Amino acid sequence: MLGRPTVFALGLAAGIAVQSSYSCVRARAGEALEMAGREAPIDVPGAVSAPRPAPRVEALPSAAEGDAPKAGAPTVTPAPVATGLADLDALRARRLELPVQGIPRGTLRDTFAEGRTGHVHEAIDILAARGTPVVAVEDGVVEKLFTSKQGGLTVYQFDPSRTWCYYYAHLDRYAPGLAEKQTVRRGQVIGYVGTSGNAPPQTPHLHFTIFKLDGDKRWWHGAPINPFPLWTAR
């Protein structure tokens, strides 16, 4: 029969082993998060002319659907940031194009605040036939082409001032020749409506949102802004 000193020693050793295992798990999670931040891949997004990106974590989205997590990697959710009328006014002044060709503004629905599994949508869904052209809402740069489990084929476009990120998800395919760091013009076709990622197979649509970038200008991180009022208030 073990004496008290022996039992105490065994208990202490077990406790150290558990603490060590817990610390190891936390360290691995931290490494995964750091790697996601370096070359974050999400909306996990075919064939593109740019190199296939490495796994990443997305803010959603963004965003993000979009807009990000790869299996096993932690999801980074940005702290809520209040978006005031000044941001909406600034975006209205840019007179952004509707990102899906041929869709009347009157058919848009505000799905930004709708619930999704485990999160708020924070984007609008623009329904259209599969293969309908998706266009850049304004001039800018293709900051990232990404494929994710949630968003499928995605495009992250920065505006020229690098204040805003326009996020296009669930694409069927990219426009031929589209590449990262490529300059695009307002109305230029950048992809085609599809159901990649976690979109319902029989409901092709574009998942679109806008992020206000933070000071680090990280393509997967920012404050989501509802784009719906930009096309319904004018």
C-alpha atoms as a PDB file:
ATOM      1  CA  MET A   1       0.000   0.000   0.000  1.00  0.00           C
ATOM      2  CA  LEU A   2       1.385   3.428  -0.999  1.00  0.00           C
ATOM      3  CA  GLY A   3       2.196   5.893   1.744  1.00  0.00           C
ATOM      4  CA  ARG A   4       0.980   9.494   1.717  1.00  0.00           C
ATOM      5  CA  PRO A   5       4.296  10.923   0.434  1.00  0.00           C
ATOM      6  CA  THR A   6       4.223   8.520  -2.512  1.00  0.00           C
ATOM      7  CA  VAL A   7       0.566   9.305  -3.357  1.00  0.00           C
ATOM      8  CA  PHE A   8       1.298  13.037  -3.157  1.00  0.00           C
ATOM      9  CA  ALA A   9       4.302  12.688  -5.465  1.00  0.00           C
ATOM     10  CA  LEU A  10       2.299  10.722  -8.028  1.00  0.00           C
ATOM     11  CA  GLY A  11      -0.521  13.284  -7.929  1.00  0.00           C
ATOM     12  CA  LEU A  12       1.924  16.149  -8.406  1.00  0.00           C
ATOM     13  CA  ALA A  13       3.542  14.397 -11.375  1.00  0.00           C
ATOM     14  CA  ALA A  14       0.140  13.800 -12.986  1.00  0.00           C
ATOM     15  CA  GLY A  15      -0.791  17.438 -12.512  1.00  0.00           C
ATOM     16  CA  ILE A  16       2.423  18.611 -14.151  1.00  0.00           C
ATOM     17  CA  ALA A  17       1.834  16.255 -17.087  1.00  0.00           C
ATOM     18  CA  VAL A  18      -1.724  17.598 -17.599  1.00  0.00           C
ATOM     19  CA  GLN A  19      -0.520  21.209 -17.393  1.00  0.00           C
ATOM     20  CA  SER A  20       2.269  20.469 -19.853  1.00  0.00           C
ATOM     21  CA  SER A  21      -0.196  18.879 -22.292  1.00  0.00           C
ATOM     22  CA  TYR A  22      -2.549  21.885 -21.975  1.00  0.00           C
ATOM     23  CA  SER A  23       0.304  24.307 -22.620  1.00  0.00           C
ATOM     24  CA  CYS A  24       1.297  22.312 -25.694  1.00  0.00           C
ATOM     25  CA  VAL A  25      -2.252  22.473 -27.095  1.00  0.00           C
ATOM     26  CA  ARG A  26      -2.337  26.238 -26.534  1.00  0.00           C
ATOM     27  CA  ALA A  27       1.037  26.627 -28.224  1.00  0.00           C
ATOM     28  CA  ARG A  28      -0.148  24.677 -31.269  1.00  0.00           C
ATOM     29  CA  ALA A  29      -3.271  26.810 -31.490  1.00  0.00           C
ATOM     30  CA  GLY A  30      -1.111  29.929 -31.301  1.00  0.00           C
ATOM     31  CA  GLU A  31       1.125  28.655 -34.089  1.00  0.00           C
ATOM     32  CA  ALA A  32      -1.877  27.846 -36.258  1.00  0.00           C
ATOM     33  CA  LEU A  33      -3.248  31.334 -35.703  1.00  0.00           C
ATOM     34  CA  GLU A  34       0.092  32.930 -36.524  1.00  0.00           C
ATOM     35  CA  MET A  35       0.418  30.890 -39.719  1.00  0.00           C
ATOM     36  CA  ALA A  36      -3.116  31.855 -40.665  1.00  0.00           C
ATOM     37  CA  GLY A  37      -2.193  35.483 -40.239  1.00  0.00           C
ATOM     38  CA  ARG A  38       0.872  35.217 -42.462  1.00  0.00           C
ATOM     39  CA  GLU A  39      -0.653  33.666 -45.528  1.00  0.00           C
ATOM     40  CA  ALA A  40      -4.163  33.368 -44.450  1.00  0.00           C
ATOM     41  CA  PRO A  41      -6.083  31.354 -46.812  1.00  0.00           C
ATOM     42  CA  ILE A  42     -10.958  31.027 -45.932  1.00  0.00           C
ATOM     43  CA  ASP A  43     -13.569  31.266 -47.750  1.00  0.00           C
ATOM     44  CA  VAL A  44     -11.921  28.581 -48.898  1.00  0.00           C
ATOM     45  CA  PRO A  45     -12.326  29.251 -52.065  1.00  0.00           C
ATOM     46  CA  GLY A  46     -10.641  26.270 -59.293  1.00  0.00           C
ATOM     47  CA  ALA A  47      -8.302  26.995 -61.392  1.00  0.00           C
ATOM     48  CA  VAL A  48      -6.656  30.371 -61.223  1.00  0.00           C
ATOM     49  CA  SER A  49      -3.607  31.859 -62.750  1.00  0.00           C
ATOM     50  CA  ALA A  50      -2.299  32.830 -59.333  1.00  0.00           C
ATOM     51  CA  PRO A  51      -0.612  30.187 -57.175  1.00  0.00           C
ATOM     52  CA  ARG A  52      -2.949  28.215 -54.942  1.00  0.00           C
ATOM     53  CA  PRO A  53      -2.919  29.869 -51.513  1.00  0.00           C
ATOM     54  CA  ALA A  54      -1.985  28.212 -48.254  1.00  0.00           C
ATOM     55  CA  PRO A  55      -4.530  27.594 -45.482  1.00  0.00           C
ATOM     56  CA  ARG A  56      -5.842  30.631 -43.649  1.00  0.00           C
ATOM     57  CA  VAL A  57      -8.285  32.137 -41.204  1.00  0.00           C
ATOM     58  CA  GLU A  58     -10.785  34.658 -42.282  1.00  0.00           C
ATOM     59  CA  ALA A  59     -12.493  37.371 -40.523  1.00  0.00           C
ATOM     60  CA  LEU A  60     -15.801  37.408 -41.126  1.00  0.00           C
ATOM     61  CA  PRO A  61     -15.994  37.031 -42.542  1.00  0.00           C
ATOM     62  CA  SER A  62     -15.518  38.261 -42.629  1.00  0.00           C
ATOM     63  CA  ALA A  63     -14.658  38.134 -44.385  1.00  0.00           C
ATOM     64  CA  ALA A  64     -15.230  37.151 -44.671  1.00  0.00           C
ATOM     65  CA  GLU A  65     -18.866  32.431 -45.158  1.00  0.00           C
ATOM     66  CA  GLY A  66     -16.435  34.467 -46.493  1.00  0.00           C
ATOM     67  CA  ASP A  67     -15.077  35.538 -46.723  1.00  0.00           C
ATOM     68  CA  ALA A  68     -12.162  31.474 -43.841  1.00  0.00           C
ATOM     69  CA  PRO A  69     -11.064  28.733 -41.687  1.00  0.00           C
ATOM     70  CA  LYS A  70      -9.215  25.719 -42.761  1.00  0.00           C
ATOM     71  CA  ALA A  71     -10.002  22.476 -40.951  1.00  0.00           C
ATOM     72  CA  GLY A  72      -8.256  22.409 -37.592  1.00  0.00           C
ATOM     73  CA  ALA A  73      -7.273  26.068 -37.596  1.00  0.00           C
ATOM     74  CA  PRO A  74      -8.832  28.514 -35.112  1.00  0.00           C
ATOM     75  CA  THR A  75     -11.256  31.090 -36.430  1.00  0.00           C
ATOM     76  CA  VAL A  76     -10.476  34.726 -35.719  1.00  0.00           C
ATOM     77  CA  THR A  77     -13.568  36.815 -35.125  1.00  0.00           C
ATOM     78  CA  PRO A  78     -12.910  40.545 -35.146  1.00  0.00           C
ATOM     79  CA  ALA A  79     -14.312  42.602 -32.310  1.00  0.00           C
ATOM     80  CA  PRO A  80     -17.536  44.366 -33.309  1.00  0.00           C
ATOM     81  CA  VAL A  81     -16.831  47.768 -34.775  1.00  0.00           C
ATOM     82  CA  ALA A  82     -19.595  50.324 -35.065  1.00  0.00           C
ATOM     83  CA  THR A  83     -19.971  51.605 -38.579  1.00  0.00           C
ATOM     84  CA  GLY A  84     -21.358  55.107 -38.647  1.00  0.00           C
ATOM     85  CA  LEU A  85     -23.170  57.077 -41.283  1.00  0.00           C
ATOM     86  CA  ALA A  86     -19.863  58.641 -42.294  1.00  0.00           C
ATOM     87  CA  ASP A  87     -18.639  55.283 -43.619  1.00  0.00           C
ATOM     88  CA  LEU A  88     -21.821  54.730 -45.585  1.00  0.00           C
ATOM     89  CA  ASP A  89     -21.670  58.259 -46.972  1.00  0.00           C
ATOM     90  CA  ALA A  90     -18.040  57.710 -48.016  1.00  0.00           C
ATOM     91  CA  LEU A  91     -18.999  54.508 -49.825  1.00  0.00           C
ATOM     92  CA  ARG A  92     -22.034  56.096 -51.465  1.00  0.00           C
ATOM     93  CA  ALA A  93     -19.753  58.794 -52.850  1.00  0.00           C
ATOM     94  CA  ARG A  94     -17.806  56.046 -54.661  1.00  0.00           C
ATOM     95  CA  ARG A  95     -21.001  55.051 -56.536  1.00  0.00           C
ATOM     96  CA  LEU A  96     -20.131  51.385 -56.530  1.00  0.00           C
ATOM     97  CA  GLU A  97     -21.307  49.145 -59.338  1.00  0.00           C
ATOM     98  CA  LEU A  98     -23.708  46.330 -58.541  1.00  0.00           C
ATOM     99  CA  PRO A  99     -21.353  43.309 -58.559  1.00  0.00           C
ATOM    100  CA  VAL A 100     -23.587  40.978 -60.607  1.00  0.00           C
ATOM    101  CA  GLN A 101     -24.389  41.894 -64.204  1.00  0.00           C
ATOM    102  CA  GLY A 102     -28.009  42.367 -65.181  1.00  0.00           C
ATOM    103  CA  ILE A 103     -29.530  42.238 -61.693  1.00  0.00           C
ATOM    104  CA  PRO A 104     -32.104  44.990 -61.033  1.00  0.00           C
ATOM    105  CA  ARG A 105     -31.521  46.812 -57.761  1.00  0.00           C
ATOM    106  CA  GLY A 106     -35.142  46.311 -56.823  1.00  0.00           C
ATOM    107  CA  THR A 107     -34.636  42.562 -56.546  1.00  0.00           C
ATOM    108  CA  LEU A 108     -31.921  42.826 -53.872  1.00  0.00           C
ATOM    109  CA  ARG A 109     -32.663  41.585 -50.354  1.00  0.00           C
ATOM    110  CA  ASP A 110     -30.988  42.735 -47.174  1.00  0.00           C
ATOM    111  CA  THR A 111     -29.597  39.502 -45.707  1.00  0.00           C
ATOM    112  CA  PHE A 112     -26.760  41.157 -43.770  1.00  0.00           C
ATOM    113  CA  ALA A 113     -28.199  40.607 -40.286  1.00  0.00           C
ATOM    114  CA  GLU A 114     -29.673  37.176 -40.956  1.00  0.00           C
ATOM    115  CA  GLY A 115     -28.538  34.275 -38.818  1.00  0.00           C
ATOM    116  CA  ARG A 116     -26.344  31.515 -40.203  1.00  0.00           C
ATOM    117  CA  THR A 117     -25.038  28.415 -38.458  1.00  0.00           C
ATOM    118  CA  GLY A 118     -23.029  29.787 -35.556  1.00  0.00           C
ATOM    119  CA  HIS A 119     -22.748  33.367 -36.820  1.00  0.00           C
ATOM    120  CA  VAL A 120     -24.459  36.369 -38.369  1.00  0.00           C
ATOM    121  CA  HIS A 121     -24.358  36.502 -42.171  1.00  0.00           C
ATOM    122  CA  GLU A 122     -22.705  39.959 -42.456  1.00  0.00           C
ATOM    123  CA  ALA A 123     -23.075  39.988 -46.251  1.00  0.00           C
ATOM    124  CA  ILE A 124     -25.791  40.100 -48.872  1.00  0.00           C
ATOM    125  CA  ASP A 125     -26.617  37.242 -51.210  1.00  0.00           C
ATOM    126  CA  ILE A 126     -27.324  38.242 -54.813  1.00  0.00           C
ATOM    127  CA  LEU A 127     -29.118  35.404 -56.592  1.00  0.00           C
ATOM    128  CA  ALA A 128     -28.399  34.899 -60.305  1.00  0.00           C
ATOM    129  CA  ALA A 129     -28.065  32.097 -62.839  1.00  0.00           C
ATOM    130  CA  ARG A 130     -24.889  30.058 -62.635  1.00  0.00           C
ATOM    131  CA  GLY A 131     -22.232  31.612 -64.851  1.00  0.00           C
ATOM    132  CA  THR A 132     -23.592  35.164 -64.642  1.00  0.00           C
ATOM    133  CA  PRO A 133     -20.621  37.573 -64.767  1.00  0.00           C
ATOM    134  CA  VAL A 134     -19.426  39.080 -61.490  1.00  0.00           C
ATOM    135  CA  VAL A 135     -17.778  42.488 -61.883  1.00  0.00           C
ATOM    136  CA  ALA A 136     -15.486  44.693 -59.813  1.00  0.00           C
ATOM    137  CA  VAL A 137     -17.567  47.275 -57.997  1.00  0.00           C
ATOM    138  CA  GLU A 138     -14.886  49.918 -58.564  1.00  0.00           C
ATOM    139  CA  ASP A 139     -11.249  50.360 -59.579  1.00  0.00           C
ATOM    140  CA  GLY A 140      -8.743  48.626 -57.338  1.00  0.00           C
ATOM    141  CA  VAL A 141      -6.340  45.733 -56.870  1.00  0.00           C
ATOM    142  CA  VAL A 142      -6.968  42.017 -56.478  1.00  0.00           C
ATOM    143  CA  GLU A 143      -5.337  41.584 -53.095  1.00  0.00           C
ATOM    144  CA  LYS A 144      -6.071  37.875 -52.702  1.00  0.00           C
ATOM    145  CA  LEU A 145      -7.571  34.931 -54.565  1.00  0.00           C
ATOM    146  CA  PHE A 146      -8.606  32.375 -52.003  1.00  0.00           C
ATOM    147  CA  THR A 147     -10.377  29.040 -51.772  1.00  0.00           C
ATOM    148  CA  SER A 148     -12.112  28.037 -48.576  1.00  0.00           C
ATOM    149  CA  LYS A 149     -14.507  25.477 -47.209  1.00  0.00           C
ATOM    150  CA  GLN A 150     -17.120  28.117 -46.489  1.00  0.00           C
ATOM    151  CA  GLY A 151     -16.701  30.740 -49.202  1.00  0.00           C
ATOM    152  CA  GLY A 152     -15.475  28.497 -52.006  1.00  0.00           C
ATOM    153  CA  LEU A 153     -13.713  30.470 -54.729  1.00  0.00           C
ATOM    154  CA  THR A 154     -13.308  34.019 -53.465  1.00  0.00           C
ATOM    155  CA  VAL A 155     -11.822  37.360 -54.456  1.00  0.00           C
ATOM    156  CA  TYR A 156     -10.615  40.022 -52.021  1.00  0.00           C
ATOM    157  CA  GLN A 157     -10.294  43.376 -53.794  1.00  0.00           C
ATOM    158  CA  PHE A 158      -8.828  46.509 -52.188  1.00  0.00           C
ATOM    159  CA  ASP A 159      -9.921  49.964 -53.293  1.00  0.00           C
ATOM    160  CA  PRO A 160      -7.155  52.353 -54.463  1.00  0.00           C
ATOM    161  CA  SER A 161      -6.894  54.020 -51.042  1.00  0.00           C
ATOM    162  CA  ARG A 162      -6.664  50.628 -49.268  1.00  0.00           C
ATOM    163  CA  THR A 163      -9.474  51.683 -46.967  1.00  0.00           C
ATOM    164  CA  TRP A 164     -12.040  49.160 -48.140  1.00  0.00           C
ATOM    165  CA  CYS A 165     -11.959  45.479 -49.060  1.00  0.00           C
ATOM    166  CA  TYR A 166     -14.640  44.134 -51.394  1.00  0.00           C
ATOM    167  CA  TYR A 167     -15.302  40.446 -50.866  1.00  0.00           C
ATOM    168  CA  TYR A 168     -16.834  38.197 -53.554  1.00  0.00           C
ATOM    169  CA  ALA A 169     -17.570  34.550 -52.657  1.00  0.00           C
ATOM    170  CA  HIS A 170     -19.108  31.267 -53.932  1.00  0.00           C
ATOM    171  CA  LEU A 171     -17.774  31.903 -57.441  1.00  0.00           C
ATOM    172  CA  ASP A 172     -18.092  29.181 -60.075  1.00  0.00           C
ATOM    173  CA  ARG A 173     -14.746  30.206 -61.603  1.00  0.00           C
ATOM    174  CA  TYR A 174     -12.480  33.203 -61.987  1.00  0.00           C
ATOM    175  CA  ALA A 175     -12.264  35.330 -65.116  1.00  0.00           C
ATOM    176  CA  PRO A 176      -9.457  34.098 -67.422  1.00  0.00           C
ATOM    177  CA  GLY A 177      -6.115  35.616 -66.468  1.00  0.00           C
ATOM    178  CA  LEU A 178      -7.232  37.015 -63.115  1.00  0.00           C
ATOM    179  CA  ALA A 179      -4.280  37.134 -60.739  1.00  0.00           C
ATOM    180  CA  GLU A 180      -3.284  38.512 -57.363  1.00  0.00           C
ATOM    181  CA  LYS A 181      -1.933  42.090 -57.309  1.00  0.00           C
ATOM    182  CA  GLN A 182      -3.612  42.713 -60.661  1.00  0.00           C
ATOM    183  CA  THR A 183      -5.238  46.108 -61.205  1.00  0.00           C
ATOM    184  CA  VAL A 184      -8.914  45.858 -62.120  1.00  0.00           C
ATOM    185  CA  ARG A 185     -11.324  48.506 -63.358  1.00  0.00           C
ATOM    186  CA  ARG A 186     -14.876  49.301 -62.372  1.00  0.00           C
ATOM    187  CA  GLY A 187     -17.234  46.930 -64.190  1.00  0.00           C
ATOM    188  CA  GLN A 188     -14.462  44.513 -65.233  1.00  0.00           C
ATOM    189  CA  VAL A 189     -15.503  40.852 -65.110  1.00  0.00           C
ATOM    190  CA  ILE A 190     -13.561  39.093 -62.357  1.00  0.00           C
ATOM    191  CA  GLY A 191     -15.526  35.850 -62.032  1.00  0.00           C
ATOM    192  CA  TYR A 192     -18.833  34.065 -62.459  1.00  0.00           C
ATOM    193  CA  VAL A 193     -21.701  33.263 -60.111  1.00  0.00           C
ATOM    194  CA  GLY A 194     -21.645  29.748 -58.707  1.00  0.00           C
ATOM    195  CA  THR A 195     -22.193  27.572 -55.654  1.00  0.00           C
ATOM    196  CA  SER A 196     -18.645  26.805 -54.483  1.00  0.00           C
ATOM    197  CA  GLY A 197     -17.993  26.472 -50.758  1.00  0.00           C
ATOM    198  CA  ASN A 198     -21.006  25.933 -48.533  1.00  0.00           C
ATOM    199  CA  ALA A 199     -23.580  27.499 -50.866  1.00  0.00           C
ATOM    200  CA  PRO A 200     -26.674  25.352 -51.563  1.00  0.00           C
ATOM    201  CA  PRO A 201     -25.957  23.442 -54.819  1.00  0.00           C
ATOM    202  CA  GLN A 202     -29.258  24.501 -56.391  1.00  0.00           C
ATOM    203  CA  THR A 203     -29.037  28.167 -55.375  1.00  0.00           C
ATOM    204  CA  PRO A 204     -26.245  29.924 -57.275  1.00  0.00           C
ATOM    205  CA  HIS A 205     -25.550  33.364 -55.873  1.00  0.00           C
ATOM    206  CA  LEU A 206     -22.826  35.878 -55.083  1.00  0.00           C
ATOM    207  CA  HIS A 207     -22.036  36.376 -51.398  1.00  0.00           C
ATOM    208  CA  PHE A 208     -20.832  39.972 -51.249  1.00  0.00           C
ATOM    209  CA  THR A 209     -19.742  42.240 -48.437  1.00  0.00           C
ATOM    210  CA  ILE A 210     -17.434  45.157 -47.690  1.00  0.00           C
ATOM    211  CA  PHE A 211     -14.837  45.338 -44.917  1.00  0.00           C
ATOM    212  CA  LYS A 212     -13.332  48.516 -43.566  1.00  0.00           C
ATOM    213  CA  LEU A 213      -9.676  47.552 -43.241  1.00  0.00           C
ATOM    214  CA  ASP A 214      -7.754  48.063 -40.032  1.00  0.00           C
ATOM    215  CA  GLY A 215      -4.375  49.745 -39.794  1.00  0.00           C
ATOM    216  CA  ASP A 216      -2.490  46.562 -40.722  1.00  0.00           C
ATOM    217  CA  LYS A 217      -4.419  46.276 -44.027  1.00  0.00           C
ATOM    218  CA  ARG A 218      -4.853  42.517 -43.607  1.00  0.00           C
ATOM    219  CA  TRP A 219      -7.044  41.149 -46.401  1.00  0.00           C
ATOM    220  CA  TRP A 220      -8.864  38.742 -44.102  1.00  0.00           C
ATOM    221  CA  HIS A 221      -9.565  41.186 -41.262  1.00  0.00           C
ATOM    222  CA  GLY A 222     -11.770  44.220 -40.923  1.00  0.00           C
ATOM    223  CA  ALA A 223     -15.123  45.626 -39.819  1.00  0.00           C
ATOM    224  CA  PRO A 224     -17.989  44.297 -41.982  1.00  0.00           C
ATOM    225  CA  ILE A 225     -20.256  46.906 -43.533  1.00  0.00           C
ATOM    226  CA  ASN A 226     -23.705  46.240 -44.968  1.00  0.00           C
ATOM    227  CA  PRO A 227     -23.601  47.096 -48.705  1.00  0.00           C
ATOM    228  CA  PHE A 228     -27.372  46.850 -49.180  1.00  0.00           C
ATOM    229  CA  PRO A 229     -28.160  50.559 -48.542  1.00  0.00           C
ATOM    230  CA  LEU A 230     -25.591  51.606 -51.143  1.00  0.00           C
ATOM    231  CA  TRP A 231     -27.802  50.419 -53.997  1.00  0.00           C
ATOM    232  CA  THR A 232     -31.251  50.941 -52.548  1.00  0.00           C
ATOM    233  CA  ALA A 233     -30.989  54.537 -51.353  1.00  0.00           C
ATOM    234  CA  ARG A 234     -30.271  56.150 -54.697  1.00  0.00           C
END
